[in-house]
Amino acid sequence: MLQRYLFACVTGVLVSAAGSAYAADLPRAPQPVTVVQAPATYGWTGFYAGFDAGYAWGWSRWSDPLAGTSRMRLDGAALGGHLGYNWQTGPLVLGVETDASWANLSGSSGSGLAFCGAGPCDTKQNWIGTTRGRVGYAFGAFMPYLTAGAAYGDVQTTVPWGSASSTRLGWSAGAGLEVGLTKNWSAKVEYLHLDLGTASFFNAATNASSVSVPIKDDLARAGISYHW
């Protein structure tokens, strides 16, 4: 009995080992391949907000029917923020954006006006802003766009007999390029032309006329936006 039992155990071990060796020699079934999905097309739809900074330059041509005319150049830095919304259909991106910037634009008049010889004749702008529509064409994460809408800002004048200020409303137009950096961040460069119309200030030197001060600005800036 004991001999039969030992023989059965040894036979079982040998059969098990042979089966394992035979299974190891069999070709293995192909392993499933993990497919990595390509990233989805960059999407522009949604709200965004951010900051921008740049340089503005412009001109103002003072004129008075009794005192003459004088042209002055304005320039300085601009720093501010923006808020907007995009809606994308296919490659077309439609949007609206509003912004406001602190500005340090200033300029001084020459000797064209008779009363400027008696003291300073300066123009200054402390802030500018726009509310514009945007039309862009998306090439994935790259979007060139055109933009136009309203412009607003202040105009301050200093003359020998004092100073005055006026808040002006006009129009703006320009173009830019925005690039998606990540899902939530983008960067842009932009050029805008702003026309704030003509401010008019009473001329105390003549006591019979007013000084017309047209304001036109050009603004080049770069910005960064967060999208959600």
Protein backbone atom coordinates (compact mmCIF):
# COMPACT_ATOMS: atom_id res chain seq x y z
CA MET A 1 0.00 0.00 0.00
CA LEU A 2 2.74 2.42 0.94
CA GLN A 3 4.62 1.76 -2.27
CA ARG A 4 1.49 2.43 -4.36
CA TYR A 5 0.89 5.68 -2.50
CA LEU A 6 4.45 6.91 -3.05
CA PHE A 7 4.28 5.92 -6.72
CA ALA A 8 1.07 7.92 -7.18
CA CYS A 9 2.57 11.03 -5.51
CA VAL A 10 5.74 10.93 -7.62
CA THR A 11 3.70 10.40 -10.79
CA GLY A 12 1.47 13.38 -9.96
CA VAL A 13 4.46 15.69 -9.40
CA LEU A 14 6.07 14.65 -12.67
CA VAL A 15 2.83 15.15 -14.64
CA SER A 16 2.31 18.60 -13.08
CA ALA A 17 5.86 19.69 -13.90
CA ALA A 18 5.57 18.44 -17.46
CA GLY A 19 2.27 20.31 -17.91
CA SER A 20 3.82 23.55 -16.67
CA ALA A 21 6.79 23.21 -19.00
CA TYR A 22 4.49 22.49 -21.95
CA ALA A 23 2.32 25.55 -21.12
CA ALA A 24 5.44 27.74 -20.95
CA ASP A 25 6.38 26.65 -24.46
CA LEU A 26 2.97 27.53 -25.92
CA PRO A 27 2.69 30.89 -27.74
CA ARG A 28 1.11 33.58 -25.54
CA ALA A 29 -2.13 35.29 -26.48
CA PRO A 30 -1.60 38.90 -27.68
CA GLN A 31 -1.87 41.46 -24.89
CA PRO A 32 -4.44 44.27 -25.21
CA VAL A 33 -2.95 47.53 -26.54
CA THR A 34 -3.72 50.72 -24.63
CA VAL A 35 -4.79 53.42 -27.08
CA VAL A 36 -3.80 56.99 -26.10
CA GLN A 37 -6.45 59.45 -27.23
CA ALA A 38 -5.23 62.55 -29.05
CA PRO A 39 -5.97 65.82 -27.20
CA ALA A 40 -9.26 67.42 -28.11
CA THR A 41 -9.34 70.54 -30.29
CA TYR A 42 -8.64 73.69 -28.29
CA GLY A 43 -11.93 75.34 -27.27
CA TRP A 44 -12.43 79.10 -26.97
CA THR A 45 -16.02 79.21 -25.67
CA GLY A 46 -16.48 80.69 -22.19
CA PHE A 47 -15.73 83.60 -19.89
CA TYR A 48 -12.23 84.93 -19.32
CA ALA A 49 -10.47 87.70 -17.39
CA GLY A 50 -6.92 88.94 -17.16
CA PHE A 51 -4.36 91.72 -17.13
CA ASP A 52 -2.57 93.66 -19.86
CA ALA A 53 0.17 96.24 -20.20
CA GLY A 54 1.51 98.30 -23.06
CA TYR A 55 2.47 101.62 -24.53
CA ALA A 56 0.17 104.30 -25.94
CA TRP A 57 0.91 107.28 -28.14
CA GLY A 58 -1.28 109.90 -29.75
CA TRP A 59 -1.75 113.52 -30.62
CA SER A 60 -3.92 116.50 -29.83
CA ARG A 61 -4.28 119.57 -32.03
CA TRP A 62 -5.42 122.52 -29.98
CA SER A 63 -7.20 125.21 -31.92
CA ASP A 64 -8.85 128.50 -31.07
CA PRO A 65 -10.44 130.88 -33.60
CA LEU A 66 -8.75 133.89 -31.96
CA ALA A 67 -5.51 132.44 -30.55
CA GLY A 68 -4.37 130.08 -33.33
CA THR A 69 -3.49 126.38 -33.37
CA SER A 70 -0.86 124.11 -31.87
CA ARG A 71 -0.24 120.39 -32.23
CA MET A 72 1.15 118.26 -29.40
CA ARG A 73 2.15 114.60 -29.10
CA LEU A 74 1.13 112.43 -26.15
CA ASP A 75 2.72 109.17 -25.06
CA GLY A 76 3.12 106.97 -22.00
CA ALA A 77 2.46 103.59 -20.39
CA ALA A 78 -0.90 101.86 -19.89
CA LEU A 79 -1.66 99.11 -17.38
CA GLY A 80 -5.05 97.52 -16.74
CA GLY A 81 -7.39 94.56 -16.82
CA HIS A 82 -10.02 93.02 -19.09
CA LEU A 83 -13.10 90.80 -18.92
CA GLY A 84 -14.81 89.01 -21.81
CA TYR A 85 -16.76 86.10 -23.26
CA ASN A 86 -16.16 83.98 -26.38
CA TRP A 87 -18.55 81.77 -28.33
CA GLN A 88 -17.04 79.36 -30.86
CA THR A 89 -18.82 77.69 -33.77
CA GLY A 90 -16.44 75.69 -35.93
CA PRO A 91 -13.31 77.79 -36.43
CA LEU A 92 -15.27 81.07 -36.05
CA VAL A 93 -14.99 82.74 -32.63
CA LEU A 94 -17.33 85.59 -31.70
CA GLY A 95 -16.91 87.54 -28.49
CA VAL A 96 -17.23 90.73 -26.50
CA GLU A 97 -14.58 92.28 -24.26
CA THR A 98 -14.41 95.28 -21.95
CA ASP A 99 -11.26 96.75 -20.43
CA ALA A 100 -9.98 99.70 -18.42
CA SER A 101 -6.42 100.91 -18.02
CA TRP A 102 -4.54 103.37 -15.90
CA ALA A 103 -2.63 105.60 -18.33
CA ASN A 104 0.20 108.06 -18.05
CA LEU A 105 -0.15 109.89 -21.35
CA SER A 106 1.01 113.49 -21.44
CA GLY A 107 2.25 116.11 -23.88
CA SER A 108 3.05 119.81 -24.09
CA SER A 109 2.08 122.36 -26.70
CA GLY A 110 4.50 124.35 -28.79
CA SER A 111 4.28 128.07 -29.39
CA GLY A 112 1.45 127.91 -31.92
CA LEU A 113 -1.13 129.31 -29.53
CA ALA A 114 -0.67 132.93 -28.51
CA PHE A 115 -1.51 132.41 -24.85
CA CYS A 116 0.89 129.44 -24.36
CA GLY A 117 3.82 131.84 -24.08
CA ALA A 118 2.46 133.01 -20.73
CA GLY A 119 2.53 129.55 -19.10
CA PRO A 120 2.14 125.80 -19.65
CA CYS A 121 -0.20 124.33 -22.24
CA ASP A 122 -0.37 120.60 -21.42
CA THR A 123 -2.66 117.69 -22.21
CA LYS A 124 -2.87 114.59 -20.04
CA GLN A 125 -4.84 111.33 -19.96
CA ASN A 126 -5.06 109.36 -16.71
CA TRP A 127 -7.25 106.46 -17.86
CA ILE A 128 -8.67 104.89 -21.00
CA GLY A 129 -11.04 102.00 -21.65
CA THR A 130 -12.97 100.18 -24.36
CA THR A 131 -15.95 97.86 -24.85
CA ARG A 132 -15.60 95.97 -28.13
CA GLY A 133 -16.85 93.07 -30.17
CA ARG A 134 -14.30 90.53 -31.42
CA VAL A 135 -14.36 88.26 -34.48
CA GLY A 136 -11.64 85.62 -34.60
CA TYR A 137 -10.70 82.58 -36.66
CA ALA A 138 -9.23 79.71 -34.66
CA PHE A 139 -6.37 77.57 -35.94
CA GLY A 140 -6.46 75.24 -32.96
CA ALA A 141 -4.83 77.16 -30.11
CA PHE A 142 -3.98 80.16 -32.34
CA MET A 143 -6.64 82.80 -32.95
CA PRO A 144 -6.07 86.02 -34.94
CA TYR A 145 -8.96 88.45 -34.56
CA LEU A 146 -10.40 91.82 -35.52
CA THR A 147 -12.11 94.05 -32.97
CA ALA A 148 -14.13 97.30 -32.85
CA GLY A 149 -16.42 99.15 -30.47
CA ALA A 150 -16.66 102.04 -28.03
CA ALA A 151 -13.75 103.88 -26.39
CA TYR A 152 -13.77 106.19 -23.40
CA GLY A 153 -11.30 108.11 -21.28
CA ASP A 154 -10.46 111.38 -19.61
CA VAL A 155 -8.83 114.47 -21.08
CA GLN A 156 -7.13 117.02 -18.83
CA THR A 157 -5.76 120.36 -20.00
CA THR A 158 -3.53 122.82 -18.21
CA VAL A 159 -3.37 126.41 -19.47
CA PRO A 160 -1.96 129.63 -18.00
CA TRP A 161 -5.25 130.53 -16.31
CA GLY A 162 -5.97 127.09 -14.80
CA SER A 163 -6.92 123.52 -15.67
CA ALA A 164 -10.00 121.61 -16.79
CA SER A 165 -10.99 118.01 -17.43
CA SER A 166 -13.57 116.14 -19.48
CA THR A 167 -14.64 112.49 -19.84
CA ARG A 168 -14.96 111.57 -23.49
CA LEU A 169 -16.76 108.80 -25.41
CA GLY A 170 -15.60 107.73 -28.87
CA TRP A 171 -14.75 104.62 -30.86
CA SER A 172 -11.94 102.08 -31.16
CA ALA A 173 -10.80 99.47 -33.69
CA GLY A 174 -7.86 97.15 -34.06
CA ALA A 175 -6.55 93.60 -34.38
CA GLY A 176 -4.70 91.02 -32.34
CA LEU A 177 -3.46 87.47 -31.93
CA GLU A 178 -4.37 85.24 -28.98
CA VAL A 179 -2.65 81.92 -28.23
CA GLY A 180 -3.95 79.20 -25.92
CA LEU A 181 -1.14 78.17 -23.57
CA THR A 182 -3.09 75.58 -21.56
CA LYS A 183 -6.76 74.67 -21.12
CA ASN A 184 -7.26 77.67 -18.79
CA TRP A 185 -4.57 80.18 -19.81
CA SER A 186 -3.96 82.23 -22.95
CA ALA A 187 -1.73 85.13 -23.98
CA LYS A 188 -2.35 87.87 -26.53
CA VAL A 189 -0.81 90.81 -28.33
CA GLU A 190 -3.08 93.58 -29.56
CA TYR A 191 -3.13 96.93 -31.35
CA LEU A 192 -5.98 99.43 -30.95
CA HIS A 193 -6.71 102.87 -32.35
CA LEU A 194 -8.86 105.09 -30.12
CA ASP A 195 -10.65 108.26 -31.18
CA LEU A 196 -12.14 110.15 -28.23
CA GLY A 197 -13.57 112.99 -30.26
CA THR A 198 -13.00 116.65 -29.39
CA ALA A 199 -13.17 118.27 -25.98
CA SER A 200 -13.91 121.97 -25.73
CA PHE A 201 -12.67 124.31 -22.99
CA PHE A 202 -13.48 127.97 -22.39
CA ASN A 203 -10.65 130.33 -23.22
CA ALA A 204 -10.32 132.83 -20.40
CA ALA A 205 -7.49 134.58 -22.22
CA THR A 206 -9.85 135.91 -24.88
CA ASN A 207 -13.09 135.62 -22.87
CA ALA A 208 -14.83 135.17 -26.21
CA SER A 209 -13.83 131.79 -27.61
CA SER A 210 -13.11 128.17 -26.67
CA VAL A 211 -10.16 125.83 -27.16
CA SER A 212 -10.91 122.65 -29.15
CA VAL A 213 -8.86 119.63 -28.07
CA PRO A 214 -9.26 116.47 -30.22
CA ILE A 215 -7.77 113.27 -28.79
CA LYS A 216 -6.58 110.28 -30.85
CA ASP A 217 -4.53 107.43 -29.33
CA ASP A 218 -2.78 104.31 -30.58
CA LEU A 219 -2.25 101.48 -28.09
CA ALA A 220 -0.01 98.42 -28.40
CA ARG A 221 -0.18 95.94 -25.54
CA ALA A 222 0.24 92.35 -24.40
CA GLY A 223 -1.97 90.47 -21.97
CA ILE A 224 -2.63 87.18 -20.24
CA SER A 225 -6.08 85.70 -19.53
CA TYR A 226 -7.59 82.96 -17.38
CA HIS A 227 -10.52 81.04 -18.97
CA TRP A 228 -13.26 79.14 -17.16
